[in-house]
Structures are given as C-alpha cells and as structure tokens.
PDB file of all heavy atoms in Angstrom:
ATOM      1  N   GLY A   1      82.884  96.171  97.625  1.00  0.00           N
ATOM      2  CA  GLY A   1      83.278  95.202  96.790  1.00  0.00           C
ATOM      3  C   GLY A   1      84.764  95.039  96.400  1.00  0.00           C
ATOM      4  O   GLY A   1      85.618  95.715  97.113  1.00  0.00           O
ATOM      5  N   THR A   2      85.131  94.207  95.427  1.00  0.00           N
ATOM      6  CA  THR A   2      86.520  93.984  95.107  1.00  0.00           C
ATOM      7  C   THR A   2      87.254  95.233  94.683  1.00  0.00           C
ATOM      8  O   THR A   2      88.485  95.435  95.083  1.00  0.00           O
ATOM      9  CB  THR A   2      86.562  92.895  93.998  1.00  0.00           C
ATOM     10  OG1 THR A   2      85.883  91.705  94.393  1.00  0.00           O
ATOM     11  CG2 THR A   2      87.981  92.632  93.692  1.00  0.00           C
ATOM     12  N   LEU A   3      86.730  96.126  93.906  1.00  0.00           N
ATOM     13  CA  LEU A   3      87.516  97.289  93.418  1.00  0.00           C
ATOM     14  C   LEU A   3      87.775  98.230  94.666  1.00  0.00           C
ATOM     15  O   LEU A   3      88.784  98.815  94.621  1.00  0.00           O
ATOM     16  CB  LEU A   3      86.575  98.060  92.403  1.00  0.00           C
ATOM     17  CG  LEU A   3      86.516  97.367  91.091  1.00  0.00           C
ATOM     18  CD1 LEU A   3      85.674  98.138  90.121  1.00  0.00           C
ATOM     19  CD2 LEU A   3      87.862  97.084  90.507  1.00  0.00           C
ATOM     20  N   VAL A   4      86.863  98.246  95.637  1.00  0.00           N
ATOM     21  CA  VAL A   4      87.100  98.963  96.828  1.00  0.00           C
ATOM     22  C   VAL A   4      88.265  98.438  97.507  1.00  0.00           C
ATOM     23  O   VAL A   4      89.194  99.197  98.050  1.00  0.00           O
ATOM     24  CB  VAL A   4      85.927  99.137  97.816  1.00  0.00           C
ATOM     25  CG1 VAL A   4      86.324  99.883  98.974  1.00  0.00           C
ATOM     26  CG2 VAL A   4      84.744  99.878  97.036  1.00  0.00           C
ATOM     27  N   GLN A   5      88.416  97.128  97.605  1.00  0.00           N
ATOM     28  CA  GLN A   5      89.569  96.481  98.153  1.00  0.00           C
ATOM     29  C   GLN A   5      90.937  96.901  97.533  1.00  0.00           C
ATOM     30  O   GLN A   5      91.831  97.161  98.125  1.00  0.00           O
ATOM     31  CB  GLN A   5      89.499  94.988  98.144  1.00  0.00           C
ATOM     32  CG  GLN A   5      88.509  94.257  99.058  1.00  0.00           C
ATOM     33  CD  GLN A   5      88.632  92.815  98.912  1.00  0.00           C
ATOM     34  OE1 GLN A   5      88.900  92.220  97.795  1.00  0.00           O
ATOM     35  NE2 GLN A   5      88.433  92.065 100.046  1.00  0.00           N
ATOM     36  N   TYR A   6      90.795  97.092  96.174  1.00  0.00           N
ATOM     37  CA  TYR A   6      92.113  97.414  95.489  1.00  0.00           C
ATOM     38  C   TYR A   6      92.432  98.929  95.850  1.00  0.00           C
ATOM     39  O   TYR A   6      93.593  99.240  95.997  1.00  0.00           O
ATOM     40  CB  TYR A   6      91.745  97.343  94.018  1.00  0.00           C
ATOM     41  CG  TYR A   6      91.492  95.893  93.428  1.00  0.00           C
ATOM     42  CD1 TYR A   6      91.024  95.629  92.272  1.00  0.00           C
ATOM     43  CD2 TYR A   6      91.846  94.771  94.330  1.00  0.00           C
ATOM     44  CE1 TYR A   6      90.766  94.410  91.835  1.00  0.00           C
ATOM     45  CE2 TYR A   6      91.538  93.535  93.871  1.00  0.00           C
ATOM     46  CZ  TYR A   6      91.034  93.276  92.585  1.00  0.00           C
ATOM     47  OH  TYR A   6      90.783  92.057  92.204  1.00  0.00           O
ATOM     48  N   VAL A   7      91.482  99.770  96.062  1.00  0.00           N
ATOM     49  CA  VAL A   7      91.729 101.109  96.433  1.00  0.00           C
ATOM     50  C   VAL A   7      92.370 101.048  97.866  1.00  0.00           C
ATOM     51  O   VAL A   7      93.399 101.697  98.078  1.00  0.00           O
ATOM     52  CB  VAL A   7      90.506 101.914  96.487  1.00  0.00           C
ATOM     53  CG1 VAL A   7      90.666 103.271  97.190  1.00  0.00           C
ATOM     54  CG2 VAL A   7      89.929 102.200  95.126  1.00  0.00           C
ATOM     55  N   GLN A   8      91.840 100.218  98.740  1.00  0.00           N
ATOM     56  CA  GLN A   8      92.477 100.118 100.144  1.00  0.00           C
ATOM     57  C   GLN A   8      93.791  99.526 100.107  1.00  0.00           C
ATOM     58  O   GLN A   8      94.697  99.929 100.939  1.00  0.00           O
ATOM     59  CB  GLN A   8      91.442  99.292 100.986  1.00  0.00           C
ATOM     60  CG  GLN A   8      90.039  99.954 101.174  1.00  0.00           C
ATOM     61  CD  GLN A   8      89.035  99.028 101.696  1.00  0.00           C
ATOM     62  OE1 GLN A   8      89.081  97.726 101.483  1.00  0.00           O
ATOM     63  NE2 GLN A   8      88.005  99.629 102.394  1.00  0.00           N
ATOM     64  N   LEU A   9      93.954  98.542  99.178  1.00  0.00           N
ATOM     65  CA  LEU A   9      95.379  97.968  99.024  1.00  0.00           C
ATOM     66  C   LEU A   9      96.372  99.042  98.641  1.00  0.00           C
ATOM     67  O   LEU A   9      97.481  99.106  99.150  1.00  0.00           O
ATOM     68  CB  LEU A   9      95.291  96.799  98.151  1.00  0.00           C
ATOM     69  CG  LEU A   9      96.688  96.155  97.696  1.00  0.00           C
ATOM     70  CD1 LEU A   9      97.457  95.562  99.027  1.00  0.00           C
ATOM     71  CD2 LEU A   9      96.391  95.072  96.643  1.00  0.00           C
ATOM     72  N   ALA A  10      96.027  99.740  97.627  1.00  0.00           N
ATOM     73  CA  ALA A  10      96.907 100.753  97.045  1.00  0.00           C
ATOM     74  C   ALA A  10      97.257 101.820  98.083  1.00  0.00           C
ATOM     75  O   ALA A  10      98.439 102.198  98.322  1.00  0.00           O
ATOM     76  CB  ALA A  10      96.368 101.418  95.773  1.00  0.00           C
ATOM     77  N   LEU A  11      96.151 102.360  98.842  1.00  0.00           N
ATOM     78  CA  LEU A  11      96.487 103.304  99.906  1.00  0.00           C
ATOM     79  C   LEU A  11      97.267 102.793 100.983  1.00  0.00           C
ATOM     80  O   LEU A  11      98.205 103.465 101.481  1.00  0.00           O
ATOM     81  CB  LEU A  11      95.083 103.731 100.507  1.00  0.00           C
ATOM     82  CG  LEU A  11      94.140 104.562  99.634  1.00  0.00           C
ATOM     83  CD1 LEU A  11      92.816 104.620 100.244  1.00  0.00           C
ATOM     84  CD2 LEU A  11      94.748 105.937  99.285  1.00  0.00           C
ATOM     85  N   THR A  12      97.086 101.609 101.336  1.00  0.00           N
ATOM     86  CA  THR A  12      98.001 100.932 102.441  1.00  0.00           C
ATOM     87  C   THR A  12      99.380 100.869 101.948  1.00  0.00           C
ATOM     88  O   THR A  12     100.343 101.209 102.707  1.00  0.00           O
ATOM     89  CB  THR A  12      97.434  99.561 102.764  1.00  0.00           C
ATOM     90  OG1 THR A  12      96.138  99.718 103.208  1.00  0.00           O
ATOM     91  CG2 THR A  12      98.253  98.869 103.928  1.00  0.00           C
ATOM     92  N   ARG A  13      99.626 100.440 100.718  1.00  0.00           N
ATOM     93  CA  ARG A  13     100.912 100.331 100.177  1.00  0.00           C
ATOM     94  C   ARG A  13     101.604 101.708 100.070  1.00  0.00           C
ATOM     95  O   ARG A  13     102.864 101.869 100.202  1.00  0.00           O
ATOM     96  CB  ARG A  13     100.917  99.649  98.917  1.00  0.00           C
ATOM     97  CG  ARG A  13     100.687  98.162  98.902  1.00  0.00           C
ATOM     98  CD  ARG A  13     100.577  97.539  97.521  1.00  0.00           C
ATOM     99  NE  ARG A  13     100.647  96.031  97.631  1.00  0.00           N
ATOM    100  CZ  ARG A  13     100.500  95.252  96.494  1.00  0.00           C
ATOM    101  NH1 ARG A  13     100.212  95.818  95.415  1.00  0.00           N
ATOM    102  NH2 ARG A  13     100.583  93.985  96.679  1.00  0.00           N
ATOM    103  N   ALA A  14     100.794 102.688  99.880  1.00  0.00           N
ATOM    104  CA  ALA A  14     101.394 104.088  99.721  1.00  0.00           C
ATOM    105  C   ALA A  14     101.637 104.756 101.074  1.00  0.00           C
ATOM    106  O   ALA A  14     102.181 105.809 101.092  1.00  0.00           O
ATOM    107  CB  ALA A  14     100.292 104.876  98.946  1.00  0.00           C
ATOM    108  N   GLY A  15     101.303 104.036 102.233  1.00  0.00           N
ATOM    109  CA  GLY A  15     101.601 104.610 103.525  1.00  0.00           C
ATOM    110  C   GLY A  15     100.312 105.290 104.128  1.00  0.00           C
ATOM    111  O   GLY A  15     100.492 105.967 105.175  1.00  0.00           O
ATOM    112  N   TYR A  16      99.174 105.030 103.593  1.00  0.00           N
ATOM    113  CA  TYR A  16      98.015 105.609 104.159  1.00  0.00           C
ATOM    114  C   TYR A  16      97.054 104.385 104.501  1.00  0.00           C
ATOM    115  O   TYR A  16      96.078 104.173 103.708  1.00  0.00           O
ATOM    116  CB  TYR A  16      97.347 106.575 103.170  1.00  0.00           C
ATOM    117  CG  TYR A  16      98.328 107.763 102.943  1.00  0.00           C
ATOM    118  CD1 TYR A  16      99.223 107.654 101.829  1.00  0.00           C
ATOM    119  CD2 TYR A  16      98.247 108.895 103.648  1.00  0.00           C
ATOM    120  CE1 TYR A  16     100.008 108.605 101.536  1.00  0.00           C
ATOM    121  CE2 TYR A  16      99.195 109.935 103.289  1.00  0.00           C
ATOM    122  CZ  TYR A  16     100.027 109.814 102.257  1.00  0.00           C
ATOM    123  OH  TYR A  16     100.820 110.794 102.082  1.00  0.00           O
ATOM    124  N   PRO A  17      97.208 103.670 105.643  1.00  0.00           N
ATOM    125  CA  PRO A  17      96.527 102.374 105.861  1.00  0.00           C
ATOM    126  C   PRO A  17      94.947 102.487 105.834  1.00  0.00           C
ATOM    127  O   PRO A  17      94.457 103.448 106.223  1.00  0.00           O
ATOM    128  CB  PRO A  17      97.169 102.013 107.234  1.00  0.00           C
ATOM    129  CG  PRO A  17      98.287 102.737 107.330  1.00  0.00           C
ATOM    130  CD  PRO A  17      98.115 104.023 106.662  1.00  0.00           C
ATOM    131  N   ALA A  18      94.443 101.523 105.243  1.00  0.00           N
ATOM    132  CA  ALA A  18      92.932 101.331 105.153  1.00  0.00           C
ATOM    133  C   ALA A  18      92.652  99.849 105.222  1.00  0.00           C
ATOM    134  O   ALA A  18      93.258  99.041 104.584  1.00  0.00           O
ATOM    135  CB  ALA A  18      92.382 101.949 103.800  1.00  0.00           C
ATOM    136  N   LYS A  19      91.689  99.476 106.049  1.00  0.00           N
ATOM    137  CA  LYS A  19      91.279  98.145 106.333  1.00  0.00           C
ATOM    138  C   LYS A  19      90.750  97.629 104.892  1.00  0.00           C
ATOM    139  O   LYS A  19      89.922  98.236 104.283  1.00  0.00           O
ATOM    140  CB  LYS A  19      90.200  98.137 107.338  1.00  0.00           C
ATOM    141  CG  LYS A  19      89.798  96.618 107.727  1.00  0.00           C
ATOM    142  CD  LYS A  19      88.804  96.670 108.855  1.00  0.00           C
ATOM    143  CE  LYS A  19      88.398  95.261 109.139  1.00  0.00           C
ATOM    144  NZ  LYS A  19      87.311  95.276 110.264  1.00  0.00           N
ATOM    145  N   MET A  20      91.366  96.403 104.512  1.00  0.00           N
ATOM    146  CA  MET A  20      90.908  95.885 103.227  1.00  0.00           C
ATOM    147  C   MET A  20      89.616  95.002 103.378  1.00  0.00           C
ATOM    148  O   MET A  20      89.684  93.857 103.134  1.00  0.00           O
ATOM    149  CB  MET A  20      92.125  95.099 102.755  1.00  0.00           C
ATOM    150  CG  MET A  20      93.072  96.097 102.033  1.00  0.00           C
ATOM    151  SD  MET A  20      94.723  95.313 101.544  1.00  0.00           S
ATOM    152  CE  MET A  20      95.687  95.563 103.134  1.00  0.00           C
ATOM    153  N   ASP A  21      88.582  95.661 103.738  1.00  0.00           N
ATOM    154  CA  ASP A  21      87.251  94.999 103.904  1.00  0.00           C
ATOM    155  C   ASP A  21      86.317  95.228 102.723  1.00  0.00           C
ATOM    156  O   ASP A  21      85.194  94.748 102.791  1.00  0.00           O
ATOM    157  CB  ASP A  21      86.557  95.463 105.235  1.00  0.00           C
ATOM    158  CG  ASP A  21      86.399  97.032 105.328  1.00  0.00           C
ATOM    159  OD1 ASP A  21      86.655  97.673 104.362  1.00  0.00           O
ATOM    160  OD2 ASP A  21      85.941  97.496 106.326  1.00  0.00           O
ATOM    161  N   GLY A  22      86.796  95.928 101.745  1.00  0.00           N
ATOM    162  CA  GLY A  22      85.864  96.272 100.705  1.00  0.00           C
ATOM    163  C   GLY A  22      84.771  97.194 100.839  1.00  0.00           C
ATOM    164  O   GLY A  22      83.813  97.265 100.091  1.00  0.00           O
ATOM    165  N   MET A  23      84.744  97.994 101.970  1.00  0.00           N
ATOM    166  CA  MET A  23      83.737  98.861 102.350  1.00  0.00           C
ATOM    167  C   MET A  23      84.225 100.356 102.323  1.00  0.00           C
ATOM    168  O   MET A  23      85.255 100.686 102.959  1.00  0.00           O
ATOM    169  CB  MET A  23      83.231  98.593 103.853  1.00  0.00           C
ATOM    170  CG  MET A  23      82.820  97.257 103.971  1.00  0.00           C
ATOM    171  SD  MET A  23      81.287  96.795 103.205  1.00  0.00           S
ATOM    172  CE  MET A  23      80.125  97.753 104.255  1.00  0.00           C
ATOM    173  N   PHE A  24      83.662 101.060 101.341  1.00  0.00           N
ATOM    174  CA  PHE A  24      84.171 102.508 101.224  1.00  0.00           C
ATOM    175  C   PHE A  24      83.430 103.350 102.290  1.00  0.00           C
ATOM    176  O   PHE A  24      82.420 103.956 102.042  1.00  0.00           O
ATOM    177  CB  PHE A  24      83.819 102.961  99.851  1.00  0.00           C
ATOM    178  CG  PHE A  24      84.538 104.246  99.375  1.00  0.00           C
ATOM    179  CD1 PHE A  24      84.663 104.465  97.996  1.00  0.00           C
ATOM    180  CD2 PHE A  24      85.070 105.129 100.237  1.00  0.00           C
ATOM    181  CE1 PHE A  24      85.413 105.684  97.500  1.00  0.00           C
ATOM    182  CE2 PHE A  24      85.818 106.234  99.892  1.00  0.00           C
ATOM    183  CZ  PHE A  24      85.971 106.518  98.381  1.00  0.00           C
ATOM    184  N   GLY A  25      84.133 103.336 103.534  1.00  0.00           N
ATOM    185  CA  GLY A  25      83.585 104.082 104.652  1.00  0.00           C
ATOM    186  C   GLY A  25      84.424 105.183 105.034  1.00  0.00           C
ATOM    187  O   GLY A  25      85.290 105.677 104.275  1.00  0.00           O
ATOM    188  N   LYS A  26      84.277 105.645 106.257  1.00  0.00           N
ATOM    189  CA  LYS A  26      84.948 106.893 106.703  1.00  0.00           C
ATOM    190  C   LYS A  26      86.419 106.645 106.739  1.00  0.00           C
ATOM    191  O   LYS A  26      87.272 107.633 106.454  1.00  0.00           O
ATOM    192  CB  LYS A  26      84.463 107.312 108.127  1.00  0.00           C
ATOM    193  CG  LYS A  26      83.061 107.796 108.080  1.00  0.00           C
ATOM    194  CD  LYS A  26      82.630 108.197 109.496  1.00  0.00           C
ATOM    195  CE  LYS A  26      81.206 108.718 109.584  1.00  0.00           C
ATOM    196  NZ  LYS A  26      80.669 109.032 110.957  1.00  0.00           N
ATOM    197  N   GLU A  27      86.909 105.456 107.174  1.00  0.00           N
ATOM    198  CA  GLU A  27      88.391 105.321 107.277  1.00  0.00           C
ATOM    199  C   GLU A  27      89.003 105.353 105.940  1.00  0.00           C
ATOM    200  O   GLU A  27      90.025 105.949 105.720  1.00  0.00           O
ATOM    201  CB  GLU A  27      88.537 103.879 107.964  1.00  0.00           C
ATOM    202  CG  GLU A  27      90.071 103.511 108.071  1.00  0.00           C
ATOM    203  CD  GLU A  27      90.285 102.107 108.628  1.00  0.00           C
ATOM    204  OE1 GLU A  27      89.479 101.636 109.330  1.00  0.00           O
ATOM    205  OE2 GLU A  27      91.328 101.535 108.209  1.00  0.00           O
ATOM    206  N   THR A  28      88.428 104.555 104.998  1.00  0.00           N
ATOM    207  CA  THR A  28      88.982 104.690 103.652  1.00  0.00           C
ATOM    208  C   THR A  28      88.939 106.082 103.060  1.00  0.00           C
ATOM    209  O   THR A  28      89.880 106.489 102.338  1.00  0.00           O
ATOM    210  CB  THR A  28      88.060 103.758 102.713  1.00  0.00           C
ATOM    211  OG1 THR A  28      88.222 102.387 103.255  1.00  0.00           O
ATOM    212  CG2 THR A  28      88.645 103.648 101.291  1.00  0.00           C
ATOM    213  N   CYS A  29      87.820 106.862 103.360  1.00  0.00           N
ATOM    214  CA  CYS A  29      87.775 108.221 102.792  1.00  0.00           C
ATOM    215  C   CYS A  29      88.833 109.076 103.312  1.00  0.00           C
ATOM    216  O   CYS A  29      89.551 109.800 102.700  1.00  0.00           O
ATOM    217  CB  CYS A  29      86.398 108.780 103.184  1.00  0.00           C
ATOM    218  SG  CYS A  29      86.146 110.379 102.568  1.00  0.00           S
ATOM    219  N   ALA A  30      89.139 108.900 104.723  1.00  0.00           N
ATOM    220  CA  ALA A  30      90.143 109.647 105.383  1.00  0.00           C
ATOM    221  C   ALA A  30      91.613 109.336 104.793  1.00  0.00           C
ATOM    222  O   ALA A  30      92.354 110.190 104.515  1.00  0.00           O
ATOM    223  CB  ALA A  30      90.076 109.387 106.904  1.00  0.00           C
ATOM    224  N   SER A  31      91.819 108.066 104.587  1.00  0.00           N
ATOM    225  CA  SER A  31      93.143 107.660 103.856  1.00  0.00           C
ATOM    226  C   SER A  31      93.238 108.119 102.494  1.00  0.00           C
ATOM    227  O   SER A  31      94.352 108.622 102.060  1.00  0.00           O
ATOM    228  CB  SER A  31      93.186 106.041 103.900  1.00  0.00           C
ATOM    229  OG  SER A  31      93.172 105.519 105.338  1.00  0.00           O
ATOM    230  N   LEU A  32      92.180 108.099 101.773  1.00  0.00           N
ATOM    231  CA  LEU A  32      92.101 108.708 100.442  1.00  0.00           C
ATOM    232  C   LEU A  32      92.488 110.132 100.329  1.00  0.00           C
ATOM    233  O   LEU A  32      93.307 110.630  99.573  1.00  0.00           O
ATOM    234  CB  LEU A  32      90.775 108.321  99.704  1.00  0.00           C
ATOM    235  CG  LEU A  32      90.780 108.777  98.333  1.00  0.00           C
ATOM    236  CD1 LEU A  32      91.760 108.161  97.342  1.00  0.00           C
ATOM    237  CD2 LEU A  32      89.229 108.583  97.786  1.00  0.00           C
ATOM    238  N   GLN A  33      91.810 110.847 101.232  1.00  0.00           N
ATOM    239  CA  GLN A  33      92.027 112.333 101.299  1.00  0.00           C
ATOM    240  C   GLN A  33      93.461 112.646 101.699  1.00  0.00           C
ATOM    241  O   GLN A  33      94.090 113.644 101.169  1.00  0.00           O
ATOM    242  CB  GLN A  33      91.076 113.061 102.216  1.00  0.00           C
ATOM    243  CG  GLN A  33      89.589 112.983 101.690  1.00  0.00           C
ATOM    244  CD  GLN A  33      88.614 113.592 102.639  1.00  0.00           C
ATOM    245  OE1 GLN A  33      88.656 113.240 103.874  1.00  0.00           O
ATOM    246  NE2 GLN A  33      87.556 114.339 102.115  1.00  0.00           N
ATOM    247  N   ALA A  34      93.994 111.894 102.636  1.00  0.00           N
ATOM    248  CA  ALA A  34      95.282 112.113 103.141  1.00  0.00           C
ATOM    249  C   ALA A  34      96.324 111.909 101.922  1.00  0.00           C
ATOM    250  O   ALA A  34      97.274 112.596 101.649  1.00  0.00           O
ATOM    251  CB  ALA A  34      95.730 111.202 104.234  1.00  0.00           C
ATOM    252  N   PHE A  35      96.054 110.725 101.203  1.00  0.00           N
ATOM    253  CA  PHE A  35      96.843 110.398 100.065  1.00  0.00           C
ATOM    254  C   PHE A  35      96.809 111.451  98.982  1.00  0.00           C
ATOM    255  O   PHE A  35      97.936 111.796  98.518  1.00  0.00           O
ATOM    256  CB  PHE A  35      96.425 109.070  99.553  1.00  0.00           C
ATOM    257  CG  PHE A  35      97.006 108.607  98.226  1.00  0.00           C
ATOM    258  CD1 PHE A  35      98.319 108.160  98.179  1.00  0.00           C
ATOM    259  CD2 PHE A  35      96.288 108.642  97.000  1.00  0.00           C
ATOM    260  CE1 PHE A  35      98.842 107.775  96.880  1.00  0.00           C
ATOM    261  CE2 PHE A  35      96.761 108.276  95.847  1.00  0.00           C
ATOM    262  CZ  PHE A  35      98.182 107.874  95.766  1.00  0.00           C
ATOM    263  N   LEU A  36      95.666 111.905  98.682  1.00  0.00           N
ATOM    264  CA  LEU A  36      95.563 113.015  97.672  1.00  0.00           C
ATOM    265  C   LEU A  36      95.948 114.406  98.091  1.00  0.00           C
ATOM    266  O   LEU A  36      96.133 115.254  97.293  1.00  0.00           O
ATOM    267  CB  LEU A  36      94.047 113.075  97.250  1.00  0.00           C
ATOM    268  CG  LEU A  36      93.540 111.689  96.520  1.00  0.00           C
ATOM    269  CD1 LEU A  36      92.049 111.728  96.269  1.00  0.00           C
ATOM    270  CD2 LEU A  36      94.340 111.480  95.241  1.00  0.00           C
ATOM    271  N   GLY A  37      96.031 114.601  99.505  1.00  0.00           N
ATOM    272  CA  GLY A  37      96.357 115.864  99.994  1.00  0.00           C
ATOM    273  C   GLY A  37      95.213 116.942  99.831  1.00  0.00           C
ATOM    274  O   GLY A  37      95.541 118.094  99.563  1.00  0.00           O
ATOM    275  N   THR A  38      94.007 116.397 100.042  1.00  0.00           N
ATOM    276  CA  THR A  38      92.935 117.338  99.803  1.00  0.00           C
ATOM    277  C   THR A  38      91.825 116.898 100.785  1.00  0.00           C
ATOM    278  O   THR A  38      91.741 115.769 101.125  1.00  0.00           O
ATOM    279  CB  THR A  38      92.477 117.257  98.352  1.00  0.00           C
ATOM    280  OG1 THR A  38      91.327 118.229  98.352  1.00  0.00           O
ATOM    281  CG2 THR A  38      92.100 115.914  98.028  1.00  0.00           C
ATOM    282  N   ASP A  39      90.995 117.800 101.099  1.00  0.00           N
ATOM    283  CA  ASP A  39      89.712 117.447 101.841  1.00  0.00           C
ATOM    284  C   ASP A  39      88.501 117.584 101.001  1.00  0.00           C
ATOM    285  O   ASP A  39      87.371 117.680 101.350  1.00  0.00           O
ATOM    286  CB  ASP A  39      89.604 118.450 103.058  1.00  0.00           C
ATOM    287  CG  ASP A  39      89.542 119.895 102.645  1.00  0.00           C
ATOM    288  OD1 ASP A  39      89.564 120.240 101.483  1.00  0.00           O
ATOM    289  OD2 ASP A  39      89.347 120.743 103.587  1.00  0.00           O
ATOM    290  N   ALA A  40      88.747 117.499  99.649  1.00  0.00           N
ATOM    291  CA  ALA A  40      87.579 117.503  98.751  1.00  0.00           C
ATOM    292  C   ALA A  40      86.869 116.258  98.947  1.00  0.00           C
ATOM    293  O   ALA A  40      87.265 115.293  99.580  1.00  0.00           O
ATOM    294  CB  ALA A  40      88.167 117.501  97.242  1.00  0.00           C
ATOM    295  N   PRO A  41      85.517 116.201  98.395  1.00  0.00           N
ATOM    296  CA  PRO A  41      84.718 115.135  98.688  1.00  0.00           C
ATOM    297  C   PRO A  41      85.371 113.794  98.199  1.00  0.00           C
ATOM    298  O   PRO A  41      86.048 113.867  97.178  1.00  0.00           O
ATOM    299  CB  PRO A  41      83.430 115.395  97.818  1.00  0.00           C
ATOM    300  CG  PRO A  41      83.414 116.944  97.798  1.00  0.00           C
ATOM    301  CD  PRO A  41      84.778 117.400  97.772  1.00  0.00           C
ATOM    302  N   CYS A  42      85.212 112.769  98.796  1.00  0.00           N
ATOM    303  CA  CYS A  42      85.772 111.483  98.589  1.00  0.00           C
ATOM    304  C   CYS A  42      85.111 110.896  97.297  1.00  0.00           C
ATOM    305  O   CYS A  42      83.863 110.777  97.163  1.00  0.00           O
ATOM    306  CB  CYS A  42      85.455 110.420  99.700  1.00  0.00           C
ATOM    307  SG  CYS A  42      86.714 110.601 100.889  1.00  0.00           S
ATOM    308  N   ALA A  43      86.042 110.447  96.355  1.00  0.00           N
ATOM    309  CA  ALA A  43      85.608 109.784  95.166  1.00  0.00           C
ATOM    310  C   ALA A  43      86.816 109.237  94.553  1.00  0.00           C
ATOM    311  O   ALA A  43      87.907 109.797  94.615  1.00  0.00           O
ATOM    312  CB  ALA A  43      84.932 110.789  94.200  1.00  0.00           C
TER     313      ALA A  43
END
C-alpha cells in the first residue's frame, strides 16, 4: 500500500534503492536492513 511506498521512497532517497511498488517484499527488506545496518527481522 501507500505507506510501504513511502518507506521505499525514503530508502531510495537515502541511497538504498527500493522499487516503489508498494509491496513490502525481499528487495525492500534488504534495502531496509542495509539502511539500518542490521540483519534483524524486517519491520
């Protein structure tokens, strides 16, 4: 949904590209973990 798009937009702007399709999948999870500097569960 739309909030997932916002996460993807923020990650992309921060230098961790994520496709802005609104789907919280593996690619978004990997970008989020890289952004946070952790391999903790995605949330």
